[in-house]
PDB file of N, CA and C in Angstrom:
ATOM      1  N   UNK A   1       0.462   9.063  -2.207  1.00  0.00           N
ATOM      2  CA  UNK A   1       2.154   8.818  -2.455  1.00  0.00           C
ATOM      3  C   UNK A   1       2.619   9.611  -2.479  1.00  0.00           C
ATOM      4  N   UNK A   2       2.157  10.751  -3.589  1.00  0.00           N
ATOM      5  CA  UNK A   2       3.214  11.858  -3.459  1.00  0.00           C
ATOM      6  C   UNK A   2       2.987  12.701  -1.640  1.00  0.00           C
ATOM      7  N   UNK A   3       2.602  13.203  -0.998  1.00  0.00           N
ATOM      8  CA  UNK A   3       2.086  12.985   0.247  1.00  0.00           C
ATOM      9  C   UNK A   3       2.838  12.135   0.708  1.00  0.00           C
ATOM     10  N   UNK A   4       2.851  11.442   0.609  1.00  0.00           N
ATOM     11  CA  UNK A   4       3.423   9.985   2.063  1.00  0.00           C
ATOM     12  C   UNK A   4       5.111  10.620   1.289  1.00  0.00           C
ATOM     13  N   UNK A   5       5.697  10.442   0.625  1.00  0.00           N
ATOM     14  CA  UNK A   5       6.971  10.861   0.077  1.00  0.00           C
ATOM     15  C   UNK A   5       6.776  11.968   0.350  1.00  0.00           C
ATOM     16  N   UNK A   6       6.220  12.636  -0.010  1.00  0.00           N
ATOM     17  CA  UNK A   6       6.487  13.982   1.090  1.00  0.00           C
ATOM     18  C   UNK A   6       6.681  14.028   2.428  1.00  0.00           C
ATOM     19  N   UNK A   7       5.930  13.217   3.423  1.00  0.00           N
ATOM     20  CA  UNK A   7       6.388  13.452   4.682  1.00  0.00           C
ATOM     21  C   UNK A   7       4.537  14.067   5.557  1.00  0.00           C
ATOM     22  N   UNK A   8       3.885  14.295   4.227  1.00  0.00           N
ATOM     23  CA  UNK A   8       2.945  15.055   5.004  1.00  0.00           C
ATOM     24  C   UNK A   8       1.531  14.543   4.584  1.00  0.00           C
ATOM     25  N   UNK A   9       1.557  13.272   5.725  1.00  0.00           N
ATOM     26  CA  UNK A   9       0.761  12.206   6.643  1.00  0.00           C
ATOM     27  C   UNK A   9      -0.540  13.043   7.451  1.00  0.00           C
ATOM     28  N   UNK A  10      -0.647  13.961   7.571  1.00  0.00           N
ATOM     29  CA  UNK A  10      -1.974  14.638   7.799  1.00  0.00           C
ATOM     30  C   UNK A  10      -2.786  14.354   6.247  1.00  0.00           C
ATOM     31  N   UNK A  11      -1.924  15.400   5.093  1.00  0.00           N
ATOM     32  CA  UNK A  11      -2.462  16.117   3.879  1.00  0.00           C
ATOM     33  C   UNK A  11      -2.731  14.118   3.650  1.00  0.00           C
ATOM     34  N   UNK A  12      -2.272  12.978   3.191  1.00  0.00           N
ATOM     35  CA  UNK A  12      -2.311  11.697   2.596  1.00  0.00           C
ATOM     36  C   UNK A  12      -3.549  10.641   3.575  1.00  0.00           C
ATOM     37  N   UNK A  13      -3.569  11.132   4.736  1.00  0.00           N
ATOM     38  CA  UNK A  13      -4.762  11.147   5.329  1.00  0.00           C
ATOM     39  C   UNK A  13      -6.220  10.927   5.618  1.00  0.00           C
ATOM     40  N   UNK A  14      -6.441  12.678   4.942  1.00  0.00           N
ATOM     41  CA  UNK A  14      -7.350  12.554   4.313  1.00  0.00           C
ATOM     42  C   UNK A  14      -7.835  12.365   2.727  1.00  0.00           C
ATOM     43  N   UNK A  15      -6.717  11.675   2.266  1.00  0.00           N
ATOM     44  CA  UNK A  15      -7.371  11.255   1.141  1.00  0.00           C
ATOM     45  C   UNK A  15      -7.462   9.309   1.546  1.00  0.00           C
ATOM     46  N   UNK A  16      -8.543   9.241   3.036  1.00  0.00           N
ATOM     47  CA  UNK A  16      -8.466   7.800   2.939  1.00  0.00           C
ATOM     48  C   UNK A  16      -9.609   7.991   2.904  1.00  0.00           C
ATOM     49  N   UNK A  17     -11.229   6.865   3.129  1.00  0.00           N
ATOM     50  CA  UNK A  17     -11.864   6.902   3.367  1.00  0.00           C
ATOM     51  C   UNK A  17     -11.899   6.487   5.444  1.00  0.00           C
ATOM     52  N   UNK A  18     -11.562   6.718   6.356  1.00  0.00           N
ATOM     53  CA  UNK A  18     -11.600   6.563   7.070  1.00  0.00           C
ATOM     54  C   UNK A  18      -9.650   7.125   7.733  1.00  0.00           C
ATOM     55  N   UNK A  19     -10.174   8.541   7.640  1.00  0.00           N
ATOM     56  CA  UNK A  19      -8.955   8.945   7.454  1.00  0.00           C
ATOM     57  C   UNK A  19      -8.107   9.383   8.712  1.00  0.00           C
ATOM     58  N   UNK A  20      -9.341   9.341  10.146  1.00  0.00           N
ATOM     59  CA  UNK A  20      -8.671   9.572  11.655  1.00  0.00           C
ATOM     60  C   UNK A  20      -7.671   7.817  11.640  1.00  0.00           C
ATOM     61  N   UNK A  21      -8.563   6.823  11.776  1.00  0.00           N
ATOM     62  CA  UNK A  21      -7.125   5.580  11.285  1.00  0.00           C
ATOM     63  C   UNK A  21      -5.707   5.593  10.191  1.00  0.00           C
ATOM     64  N   UNK A  22      -5.832   5.760   9.317  1.00  0.00           N
ATOM     65  CA  UNK A  22      -5.027   5.916   8.101  1.00  0.00           C
ATOM     66  C   UNK A  22      -3.629   7.056   9.322  1.00  0.00           C
ATOM     67  N   UNK A  23      -4.623   8.044   9.518  1.00  0.00           N
ATOM     68  CA  UNK A  23      -3.451   9.251  10.629  1.00  0.00           C
ATOM     69  C   UNK A  23      -2.859   8.268  11.258  1.00  0.00           C
ATOM     70  N   UNK A  24      -3.204   7.758  12.156  1.00  0.00           N
ATOM     71  CA  UNK A  24      -2.407   7.029  13.998  1.00  0.00           C
ATOM     72  C   UNK A  24      -1.967   6.322  12.716  1.00  0.00           C
ATOM     73  N   UNK A  25      -1.992   5.363  11.851  1.00  0.00           N
ATOM     74  CA  UNK A  25      -1.833   4.464  11.413  1.00  0.00           C
ATOM     75  C   UNK A  25       0.092   4.472  10.582  1.00  0.00           C
ATOM     76  N   UNK A  26       0.140   5.880   9.616  1.00  0.00           N
ATOM     77  CA  UNK A  26       1.049   6.461   9.410  1.00  0.00           C
ATOM     78  C   UNK A  26       1.502   7.562  10.457  1.00  0.00           C
ATOM     79  N   UNK A  27       1.033   7.259  11.013  1.00  0.00           N
ATOM     80  CA  UNK A  27       2.216   8.102  11.683  1.00  0.00           C
ATOM     81  C   UNK A  27       2.431   7.447  12.811  1.00  0.00           C
ATOM     82  N   UNK A  28       2.582   5.674  13.237  1.00  0.00           N
ATOM     83  CA  UNK A  28       3.149   5.063  14.494  1.00  0.00           C
ATOM     84  C   UNK A  28       3.643   4.856  13.143  1.00  0.00           C
ATOM     85  N   UNK A  29       3.775   4.148  12.082  1.00  0.00           N
ATOM     86  CA  UNK A  29       4.915   3.748  10.774  1.00  0.00           C
ATOM     87  C   UNK A  29       5.947   4.975  11.309  1.00  0.00           C
ATOM     88  N   UNK A  30       5.958   6.161  10.562  1.00  0.00           N
ATOM     89  CA  UNK A  30       6.720   7.239  10.952  1.00  0.00           C
ATOM     90  C   UNK A  30       7.486   6.953  12.189  1.00  0.00           C
ATOM     91  N   UNK A  31       6.859   7.126  13.145  1.00  0.00           N
ATOM     92  CA  UNK A  31       8.030   6.505  14.625  1.00  0.00           C
ATOM     93  C   UNK A  31       8.645   5.678  14.569  1.00  0.00           C
ATOM     94  N   UNK A  32       8.079   4.507  14.206  1.00  0.00           N
ATOM     95  CA  UNK A  32       8.900   3.445  14.252  1.00  0.00           C
ATOM     96  C   UNK A  32       9.996   3.310  13.255  1.00  0.00           C
ATOM     97  N   UNK A  33      10.388   4.164  12.022  1.00  0.00           N
ATOM     98  CA  UNK A  33      10.743   3.969  11.116  1.00  0.00           C
ATOM     99  C   UNK A  33      11.830   5.096  10.625  1.00  0.00           C
ATOM    100  N   UNK A  34      11.267   6.312  11.282  1.00  0.00           N
ATOM    101  CA  UNK A  34      11.923   8.020  11.627  1.00  0.00           C
ATOM    102  C   UNK A  34      11.139   8.690  10.145  1.00  0.00           C
ATOM    103  N   UNK A  35      10.935  10.103   9.985  1.00  0.00           N
ATOM    104  CA  UNK A  35      10.912  10.557   9.253  1.00  0.00           C
ATOM    105  C   UNK A  35      11.683  10.488   7.829  1.00  0.00           C
ATOM    106  N   UNK A  36      13.078  10.423   7.602  1.00  0.00           N
ATOM    107  CA  UNK A  36      13.328  10.282   6.449  1.00  0.00           C
ATOM    108  C   UNK A  36      12.983   8.878   6.209  1.00  0.00           C
ATOM    109  N   UNK A  37      13.661   7.992   7.168  1.00  0.00           N
ATOM    110  CA  UNK A  37      13.295   6.483   6.685  1.00  0.00           C
ATOM    111  C   UNK A  37      11.420   6.432   5.490  1.00  0.00           C
ATOM    112  N   UNK A  38      10.642   6.061   6.237  1.00  0.00           N
ATOM    113  CA  UNK A  38       9.765   7.298   5.937  1.00  0.00           C
ATOM    114  C   UNK A  38       8.645   7.468   4.551  1.00  0.00           C
ATOM    115  N   UNK A  39       9.937   8.743   4.475  1.00  0.00           N
ATOM    116  CA  UNK A  39       9.179   9.622   2.480  1.00  0.00           C
ATOM    117  C   UNK A  39      10.437   8.418   2.507  1.00  0.00           C
ATOM    118  N   UNK A  40      11.227   7.643   2.639  1.00  0.00           N
ATOM    119  CA  UNK A  40      11.635   6.936   1.379  1.00  0.00           C
ATOM    120  C   UNK A  40      10.685   6.159   0.770  1.00  0.00           C
ATOM    121  N   UNK A  41      10.722   5.694   1.664  1.00  0.00           N
ATOM    122  CA  UNK A  41       9.537   4.480   1.745  1.00  0.00           C
ATOM    123  C   UNK A  41       8.387   4.339   0.678  1.00  0.00           C
ATOM    124  N   UNK A  42       7.695   5.941   1.015  1.00  0.00           N
ATOM    125  CA  UNK A  42       6.667   5.457  -0.323  1.00  0.00           C
ATOM    126  C   UNK A  42       7.791   5.657  -1.264  1.00  0.00           C
ATOM    127  N   UNK A  43       8.375   6.768  -1.089  1.00  0.00           N
ATOM    128  CA  UNK A  43       9.166   7.362  -2.386  1.00  0.00           C
ATOM    129  C   UNK A  43       9.799   6.426  -3.419  1.00  0.00           C
ATOM    130  N   UNK A  44      10.480   5.141  -2.819  1.00  0.00           N
ATOM    131  CA  UNK A  44       9.955   3.532  -3.744  1.00  0.00           C
ATOM    132  C   UNK A  44       8.985   3.693  -4.234  1.00  0.00           C
ATOM    133  N   UNK A  45       7.330   3.858  -4.401  1.00  0.00           N
ATOM    134  CA  UNK A  45       6.623   4.142  -5.224  1.00  0.00           C
ATOM    135  C   UNK A  45       6.233   4.444  -6.483  1.00  0.00           C
ATOM    136  N   UNK A  46       6.963   5.350  -5.934  1.00  0.00           N
ATOM    137  CA  UNK A  46       6.692   6.856  -7.615  1.00  0.00           C
ATOM    138  C   UNK A  46       8.040   6.577  -8.275  1.00  0.00           C
ATOM    139  N   UNK A  47       8.800   5.702  -7.631  1.00  0.00           N
ATOM    140  CA  UNK A  47      10.554   5.599  -8.322  1.00  0.00           C
ATOM    141  C   UNK A  47       9.985   5.488  -9.665  1.00  0.00           C
ATOM    142  N   UNK A  48      10.353   5.597 -11.121  1.00  0.00           N
ATOM    143  CA  UNK A  48      10.364   4.409 -12.336  1.00  0.00           C
ATOM    144  C   UNK A  48      10.545   3.181 -12.474  1.00  0.00           C
ATOM    145  N   UNK A  49      12.376   3.212 -11.433  1.00  0.00           N
ATOM    146  CA  UNK A  49      12.666   1.641 -11.372  1.00  0.00           C
ATOM    147  C   UNK A  49      11.081   0.769 -10.652  1.00  0.00           C
ATOM    148  N   UNK A  50       9.941   1.256  -9.753  1.00  0.00           N
ATOM    149  CA  UNK A  50       9.956   0.436  -9.210  1.00  0.00           C
ATOM    150  C   UNK A  50       7.358   0.366  -9.546  1.00  0.00           C
ATOM    151  N   UNK A  51       7.602   0.528 -11.054  1.00  0.00           N
ATOM    152  CA  UNK A  51       6.115   0.357 -10.928  1.00  0.00           C
ATOM    153  C   UNK A  51       5.604  -0.736 -10.462  1.00  0.00           C
ATOM    154  N   UNK A  52       4.377   0.178 -10.938  1.00  0.00           N
ATOM    155  CA  UNK A  52       3.028  -0.865 -10.285  1.00  0.00           C
ATOM    156  C   UNK A  52       3.306  -2.269 -11.343  1.00  0.00           C
ATOM    157  N   UNK A  53       3.407  -3.112 -10.406  1.00  0.00           N
ATOM    158  CA  UNK A  53       2.968  -4.588 -10.989  1.00  0.00           C
ATOM    159  C   UNK A  53       2.022  -4.432 -11.619  1.00  0.00           C
ATOM    160  N   UNK A  54       0.672  -4.683 -10.472  1.00  0.00           N
ATOM    161  CA  UNK A  54      -0.080  -5.463 -10.390  1.00  0.00           C
ATOM    162  C   UNK A  54      -1.710  -4.607 -10.175  1.00  0.00           C
ATOM    163  N   UNK A  55      -2.427  -4.114 -11.266  1.00  0.00           N
ATOM    164  CA  UNK A  55      -3.730  -3.637  -9.424  1.00  0.00           C
ATOM    165  C   UNK A  55      -5.301  -4.934 -10.598  1.00  0.00           C
ATOM    166  N   UNK A  56      -5.733  -5.554  -9.349  1.00  0.00           N
ATOM    167  CA  UNK A  56      -6.022  -5.974  -8.815  1.00  0.00           C
ATOM    168  C   UNK A  56      -8.043  -5.264  -8.128  1.00  0.00           C
ATOM    169  N   UNK A  57      -8.633  -5.638  -8.981  1.00  0.00           N
ATOM    170  CA  UNK A  57     -10.305  -4.942  -9.074  1.00  0.00           C
ATOM    171  C   UNK A  57     -11.491  -5.877  -9.004  1.00  0.00           C
ATOM    172  N   UNK A  58     -11.996  -5.812  -7.446  1.00  0.00           N
ATOM    173  CA  UNK A  58     -13.445  -6.223  -6.920  1.00  0.00           C
ATOM    174  C   UNK A  58     -14.105  -5.489  -6.374  1.00  0.00           C
ATOM    175  N   UNK A  59     -15.502  -4.949  -7.520  1.00  0.00           N
ATOM    176  CA  UNK A  59     -16.101  -3.924  -7.445  1.00  0.00           C
ATOM    177  C   UNK A  59     -15.206  -2.828  -7.459  1.00  0.00           C
ATOM    178  N   UNK A  60     -15.381  -1.903  -6.550  1.00  0.00           N
ATOM    179  CA  UNK A  60     -14.621   0.220  -6.414  1.00  0.00           C
ATOM    180  C   UNK A  60     -13.505  -0.681  -5.514  1.00  0.00           C
ATOM    181  N   UNK A  61     -13.362  -1.805  -5.691  1.00  0.00           N
ATOM    182  CA  UNK A  61     -12.194  -2.142  -4.778  1.00  0.00           C
ATOM    183  C   UNK A  61     -10.860  -2.157  -5.115  1.00  0.00           C
ATOM    184  N   UNK A  62      -9.753  -1.504  -4.792  1.00  0.00           N
ATOM    185  CA  UNK A  62      -8.171  -1.741  -5.487  1.00  0.00           C
ATOM    186  C   UNK A  62      -7.618  -2.221  -4.741  1.00  0.00           C
ATOM    187  N   UNK A  63      -6.162  -3.002  -5.473  1.00  0.00           N
ATOM    188  CA  UNK A  63      -4.653  -3.186  -4.612  1.00  0.00           C
ATOM    189  C   UNK A  63      -4.136  -3.289  -5.612  1.00  0.00           C
ATOM    190  N   UNK A  64      -3.149  -2.341  -5.719  1.00  0.00           N
ATOM    191  CA  UNK A  64      -2.537  -2.051  -6.237  1.00  0.00           C
ATOM    192  C   UNK A  64      -0.729  -2.983  -6.365  1.00  0.00           C
ATOM    193  N   UNK A  65      -0.313  -3.334  -6.444  1.00  0.00           N
ATOM    194  CA  UNK A  65       1.117  -3.907  -5.588  1.00  0.00           C
ATOM    195  C   UNK A  65       2.130  -3.824  -6.745  1.00  0.00           C
ATOM    196  N   UNK A  66       3.289  -3.748  -6.075  1.00  0.00           N
ATOM    197  CA  UNK A  66       5.296  -3.174  -6.379  1.00  0.00           C
ATOM    198  C   UNK A  66       5.642  -4.155  -6.606  1.00  0.00           C
ATOM    199  N   UNK A  67       6.880  -4.430  -7.173  1.00  0.00           N
ATOM    200  CA  UNK A  67       8.177  -5.238  -6.848  1.00  0.00           C
ATOM    201  C   UNK A  67       8.888  -4.040  -6.588  1.00  0.00           C
ATOM    202  N   UNK A  68       9.387  -4.510  -5.834  1.00  0.00           N
ATOM    203  CA  UNK A  68       9.830  -3.499  -4.686  1.00  0.00           C
ATOM    204  C   UNK A  68      11.705  -4.251  -5.012  1.00  0.00           C
ATOM    205  N   UNK A  69      12.053  -4.542  -6.308  1.00  0.00           N
ATOM    206  CA  UNK A  69      13.419  -5.630  -6.323  1.00  0.00           C
ATOM    207  C   UNK A  69      14.354  -5.999  -5.626  1.00  0.00           C
ATOM    208  N   UNK A  70      14.725  -4.308  -4.821  1.00  0.00           N
ATOM    209  CA  UNK A  70      15.408  -3.972  -4.261  1.00  0.00           C
ATOM    210  C   UNK A  70      15.982  -4.778  -2.963  1.00  0.00           C
ATOM    211  N   UNK A  71      14.376  -5.260  -2.552  1.00  0.00           N
ATOM    212  CA  UNK A  71      13.664  -5.509  -0.866  1.00  0.00           C
ATOM    213  C   UNK A  71      13.999  -6.797  -1.041  1.00  0.00           C
ATOM    214  N   UNK A  72      14.749  -7.442  -1.222  1.00  0.00           N
ATOM    215  CA  UNK A  72      14.311  -9.210  -1.816  1.00  0.00           C
ATOM    216  C   UNK A  72      12.632  -9.719  -2.999  1.00  0.00           C
ATOM    217  N   UNK A  73      12.636  -8.792  -4.234  1.00  0.00           N
ATOM    218  CA  UNK A  73      11.558  -9.056  -4.836  1.00  0.00           C
ATOM    219  C   UNK A  73       9.959  -8.992  -3.110  1.00  0.00           C
ATOM    220  N   UNK A  74      10.486  -8.013  -2.175  1.00  0.00           N
ATOM    221  CA  UNK A  74       9.257  -7.508  -1.732  1.00  0.00           C
ATOM    222  C   UNK A  74       8.161  -7.121  -2.477  1.00  0.00           C
ATOM    223  N   UNK A  75       6.954  -7.591  -2.493  1.00  0.00           N
ATOM    224  CA  UNK A  75       6.061  -7.203  -2.693  1.00  0.00           C
ATOM    225  C   UNK A  75       4.881  -5.801  -2.262  1.00  0.00           C
ATOM    226  N   UNK A  76       5.375  -4.865  -2.588  1.00  0.00           N
ATOM    227  CA  UNK A  76       3.824  -3.557  -1.456  1.00  0.00           C
ATOM    228  C   UNK A  76       2.879  -4.174  -1.848  1.00  0.00           C
ATOM    229  N   UNK A  77       1.864  -3.508  -0.877  1.00  0.00           N
ATOM    230  CA  UNK A  77       1.027  -3.427  -1.813  1.00  0.00           C
ATOM    231  C   UNK A  77      -0.010  -1.932  -0.734  1.00  0.00           C
ATOM    232  N   UNK A  78      -0.395  -1.316  -1.437  1.00  0.00           N
ATOM    233  CA  UNK A  78      -1.604  -0.359  -1.330  1.00  0.00           C
ATOM    234  C   UNK A  78      -3.330  -0.745  -1.911  1.00  0.00           C
ATOM    235  N   UNK A  79      -4.114  -0.348  -0.606  1.00  0.00           N
ATOM    236  CA  UNK A  79      -5.471  -0.860  -1.389  1.00  0.00           C
ATOM    237  C   UNK A  79      -6.047   0.528  -1.595  1.00  0.00           C
ATOM    238  N   UNK A  80      -6.789   0.427  -2.561  1.00  0.00           N
ATOM    239  CA  UNK A  80      -8.045   1.598  -2.473  1.00  0.00           C
ATOM    240  C   UNK A  80      -9.459   1.518  -2.569  1.00  0.00           C
ATOM    241  N   UNK A  81     -10.203   2.572  -2.485  1.00  0.00           N
ATOM    242  CA  UNK A  81     -11.331   2.263  -2.831  1.00  0.00           C
ATOM    243  C   UNK A  81     -12.232   3.791  -3.369  1.00  0.00           C
ATOM    244  N   UNK A  82     -13.297   2.975  -4.460  1.00  0.00           N
ATOM    245  CA  UNK A  82     -13.781   3.828  -5.021  1.00  0.00           C
ATOM    246  C   UNK A  82     -15.476   5.419  -4.632  1.00  0.00           C
ATOM    247  N   UNK A  83     -14.303   6.014  -4.215  1.00  0.00           N
ATOM    248  CA  UNK A  83     -15.732   7.054  -3.690  1.00  0.00           C
ATOM    249  C   UNK A  83     -17.019   8.120  -3.627  1.00  0.00           C
ATOM    250  N   UNK A  84     -17.394   8.247  -4.327  1.00  0.00           N
ATOM    251  CA  UNK A  84     -17.609   9.431  -5.460  1.00  0.00           C
ATOM    252  C   UNK A  84     -17.390   9.930  -6.619  1.00  0.00           C
ATOM    253  N   UNK A  85     -16.826   8.860  -7.428  1.00  0.00           N
ATOM    254  CA  UNK A  85     -16.542   8.912  -8.219  1.00  0.00           C
ATOM    255  C   UNK A  85     -14.879   9.532  -8.379  1.00  0.00           C
ATOM    256  N   UNK A  86     -13.966   9.289  -6.522  1.00  0.00           N
ATOM    257  CA  UNK A  86     -12.427   9.385  -6.904  1.00  0.00           C
ATOM    258  C   UNK A  86     -12.007   8.073  -5.511  1.00  0.00           C
ATOM    259  N   UNK A  87     -11.077   7.415  -6.267  1.00  0.00           N
ATOM    260  CA  UNK A  87     -10.049   7.088  -5.332  1.00  0.00           C
ATOM    261  C   UNK A  87      -9.016   7.479  -4.120  1.00  0.00           C
ATOM    262  N   UNK A  88     -10.205   6.569  -3.129  1.00  0.00           N
ATOM    263  CA  UNK A  88      -9.229   7.332  -1.755  1.00  0.00           C
ATOM    264  C   UNK A  88      -9.062   5.824  -0.835  1.00  0.00           C
ATOM    265  N   UNK A  89      -7.597   6.057  -0.131  1.00  0.00           N
ATOM    266  CA  UNK A  89      -6.810   4.710   0.769  1.00  0.00           C
ATOM    267  C   UNK A  89      -8.129   4.477   0.893  1.00  0.00           C
ATOM    268  N   UNK A  90      -8.384   2.795   1.314  1.00  0.00           N
ATOM    269  CA  UNK A  90      -9.350   1.669   1.606  1.00  0.00           C
ATOM    270  C   UNK A  90      -8.651   2.024   3.234  1.00  0.00           C
ATOM    271  N   UNK A  91      -9.375   2.247   3.930  1.00  0.00           N
ATOM    272  CA  UNK A  91      -8.603   1.796   5.016  1.00  0.00           C
ATOM    273  C   UNK A  91     -10.406   1.206   6.350  1.00  0.00           C
ATOM    274  N   UNK A  92     -11.901   0.869   4.994  1.00  0.00           N
ATOM    275  CA  UNK A  92     -12.761   0.338   6.486  1.00  0.00           C
ATOM    276  C   UNK A  92     -12.686  -0.982   6.347  1.00  0.00           C
ATOM    277  N   UNK A  93     -12.768  -1.902   7.047  1.00  0.00           N
ATOM    278  CA  UNK A  93     -13.686  -3.493   7.066  1.00  0.00           C
ATOM    279  C   UNK A  93     -13.937  -3.279   6.137  1.00  0.00           C
ATOM    280  N   UNK A  94     -14.348  -4.247   5.348  1.00  0.00           N
ATOM    281  CA  UNK A  94     -15.820  -4.976   3.841  1.00  0.00           C
ATOM    282  C   UNK A  94     -15.367  -6.075   3.141  1.00  0.00           C
ATOM    283  N   UNK A  95     -16.320  -6.734   2.656  1.00  0.00           N
ATOM    284  CA  UNK A  95     -15.397  -8.258   2.039  1.00  0.00           C
ATOM    285  C   UNK A  95     -14.462  -8.171   1.237  1.00  0.00           C
ATOM    286  N   UNK A  96     -14.889  -6.721   0.299  1.00  0.00           N
ATOM    287  CA  UNK A  96     -14.159  -6.866  -1.203  1.00  0.00           C
ATOM    288  C   UNK A  96     -12.882  -6.809  -0.447  1.00  0.00           C
ATOM    289  N   UNK A  97     -12.942  -5.874   0.886  1.00  0.00           N
ATOM    290  CA  UNK A  97     -11.292  -5.413   0.530  1.00  0.00           C
ATOM    291  C   UNK A  97     -10.705  -6.634   1.541  1.00  0.00           C
ATOM    292  N   UNK A  98     -11.479  -7.426   2.034  1.00  0.00           N
ATOM    293  CA  UNK A  98     -10.591  -9.353   2.839  1.00  0.00           C
ATOM    294  C   UNK A  98     -10.878  -9.424   1.855  1.00  0.00           C
ATOM    295  N   UNK A  99     -11.272  -9.935   0.666  1.00  0.00           N
ATOM    296  CA  UNK A  99     -10.800 -11.341  -0.485  1.00  0.00           C
ATOM    297  C   UNK A  99      -9.834 -10.416  -0.605  1.00  0.00           C
ATOM    298  N   UNK A 100      -8.949  -8.920  -1.568  1.00  0.00           N
ATOM    299  CA  UNK A 100      -7.968  -8.423  -1.735  1.00  0.00           C
ATOM    300  C   UNK A 100      -6.536  -9.255  -0.650  1.00  0.00           C
ATOM    301  N   UNK A 101      -7.060  -8.993   0.666  1.00  0.00           N
ATOM    302  CA  UNK A 101      -6.356  -9.667   1.587  1.00  0.00           C
ATOM    303  C   UNK A 101      -5.686 -10.853   1.361  1.00  0.00           C
ATOM    304  N   UNK A 102      -6.823 -11.419   1.330  1.00  0.00           N
ATOM    305  CA  UNK A 102      -6.916 -12.644   1.113  1.00  0.00           C
ATOM    306  C   UNK A 102      -5.931 -13.219  -0.572  1.00  0.00           C
ATOM    307  N   UNK A 103      -5.473 -12.047  -1.127  1.00  0.00           N
ATOM    308  CA  UNK A 103      -4.917 -12.396  -2.685  1.00  0.00           C
ATOM    309  C   UNK A 103      -4.315 -11.624  -2.587  1.00  0.00           C
ATOM    310  N   UNK A 104      -3.912 -10.941  -1.706  1.00  0.00           N
ATOM    311  CA  UNK A 104      -2.606 -10.759  -1.514  1.00  0.00           C
ATOM    312  C   UNK A 104      -1.427 -11.271  -0.525  1.00  0.00           C
ATOM    313  N   UNK A 105      -2.300 -12.240  -0.309  1.00  0.00           N
ATOM    314  CA  UNK A 105      -1.698 -13.257   1.447  1.00  0.00           C
ATOM    315  C   UNK A 105      -0.964 -14.403  -0.169  1.00  0.00           C
ATOM    316  N   UNK A 106      -1.861 -14.590  -0.547  1.00  0.00           N
ATOM    317  CA  UNK A 106      -1.904 -15.892  -1.727  1.00  0.00           C
ATOM    318  C   UNK A 106      -0.866 -15.568  -2.406  1.00  0.00           C
ATOM    319  N   UNK A 107      -0.810 -13.958  -3.266  1.00  0.00           N
ATOM    320  CA  UNK A 107       0.150 -13.495  -4.693  1.00  0.00           C
ATOM    321  C   UNK A 107       1.810 -13.727  -3.414  1.00  0.00           C
ATOM    322  N   UNK A 108       1.359 -12.588  -2.171  1.00  0.00           N
ATOM    323  CA  UNK A 108       3.352 -13.174  -1.856  1.00  0.00           C
ATOM    324  C   UNK A 108       3.552 -14.526  -1.126  1.00  0.00           C
ATOM    325  N   UNK A 109       2.754 -15.637  -1.023  1.00  0.00           N
ATOM    326  CA  UNK A 109       2.830 -17.003  -0.881  1.00  0.00           C
ATOM    327  C   UNK A 109       3.911 -17.449  -2.303  1.00  0.00           C
ATOM    328  N   UNK A 110       2.965 -17.030  -3.186  1.00  0.00           N
ATOM    329  CA  UNK A 110       3.205 -17.648  -4.418  1.00  0.00           C
ATOM    330  C   UNK A 110       4.760 -17.554  -4.707  1.00  0.00           C
ATOM    331  N   UNK A 111       4.945 -15.844  -4.354  1.00  0.00           N
ATOM    332  CA  UNK A 111       5.629 -15.981  -5.208  1.00  0.00           C
ATOM    333  C   UNK A 111       7.251 -16.212  -4.299  1.00  0.00           C
ATOM    334  N   UNK A 112       6.862 -16.356  -3.364  1.00  0.00           N
ATOM    335  CA  UNK A 112       7.768 -16.851  -1.476  1.00  0.00           C
ATOM    336  C   UNK A 112       8.476 -18.151  -2.506  1.00  0.00           C
ATOM    337  N   UNK A 113       7.154 -19.045  -2.484  1.00  0.00           N
ATOM    338  CA  UNK A 113       8.169 -20.438  -3.499  1.00  0.00           C
ATOM    339  C   UNK A 113       8.376 -20.618  -3.853  1.00  0.00           C
ATOM    340  N   UNK A 114       8.109 -19.758  -5.091  1.00  0.00           N
ATOM    341  CA  UNK A 114       8.586 -19.892  -6.413  1.00  0.00           C
ATOM    342  C   UNK A 114      10.366 -19.201  -6.640  1.00  0.00           C
ATOM    343  N   UNK A 115      10.591 -18.829  -5.271  1.00  0.00           N
ATOM    344  CA  UNK A 115      12.281 -18.099  -5.286  1.00  0.00           C
ATOM    345  C   UNK A 115      12.157 -18.611  -4.151  1.00  0.00           C
ATOM    346  N   UNK A 116      11.968 -20.318  -3.555  1.00  0.00           N
ATOM    347  CA  UNK A 116      12.563 -20.584  -2.616  1.00  0.00           C
ATOM    348  C   UNK A 116      12.205 -20.041  -1.190  1.00  0.00           C
ATOM    349  N   UNK A 117      11.916 -18.970  -0.154  1.00  0.00           N
ATOM    350  CA  UNK A 117      11.994 -18.165   0.607  1.00  0.00           C
ATOM    351  C   UNK A 117      10.578 -18.477   1.201  1.00  0.00           C
ATOM    352  N   UNK A 118      10.771 -17.826   2.581  1.00  0.00           N
ATOM    353  CA  UNK A 118       9.458 -17.601   3.052  1.00  0.00           C
ATOM    354  C   UNK A 118       9.245 -16.779   3.881  1.00  0.00           C
ATOM    355  N   UNK A 119       8.221 -16.205   3.531  1.00  0.00           N
ATOM    356  CA  UNK A 119       7.529 -13.743   4.005  1.00  0.00           C
ATOM    357  C   UNK A 119       6.997 -14.898   5.739  1.00  0.00           C
TER     358      UNK A 119
END
């Protein structure tokens, strides 16, 4: 997250289990929102005002959730996987990652229904 908050897309992509794919996704996002908004978006995940809300584990895979209250209680998420003793951003399809995606959808749906919103 620190690399992303600094705009270091290449460095962040190297911390993925699929660096080329992560680089392309991050470059596309940066192009869509602009460099400063890109850095601001990732900086929010490091802010003390936005601590992680939950960590959900399935085997070596993790889903980290942040409640970005200033964005209408939007829940931001990032997937990680433990590879050779260290956690990398998880960008490869797998059964555990798909299960975590379902958990995220259910989490967001529950929060939306409890607040009367529709995501």
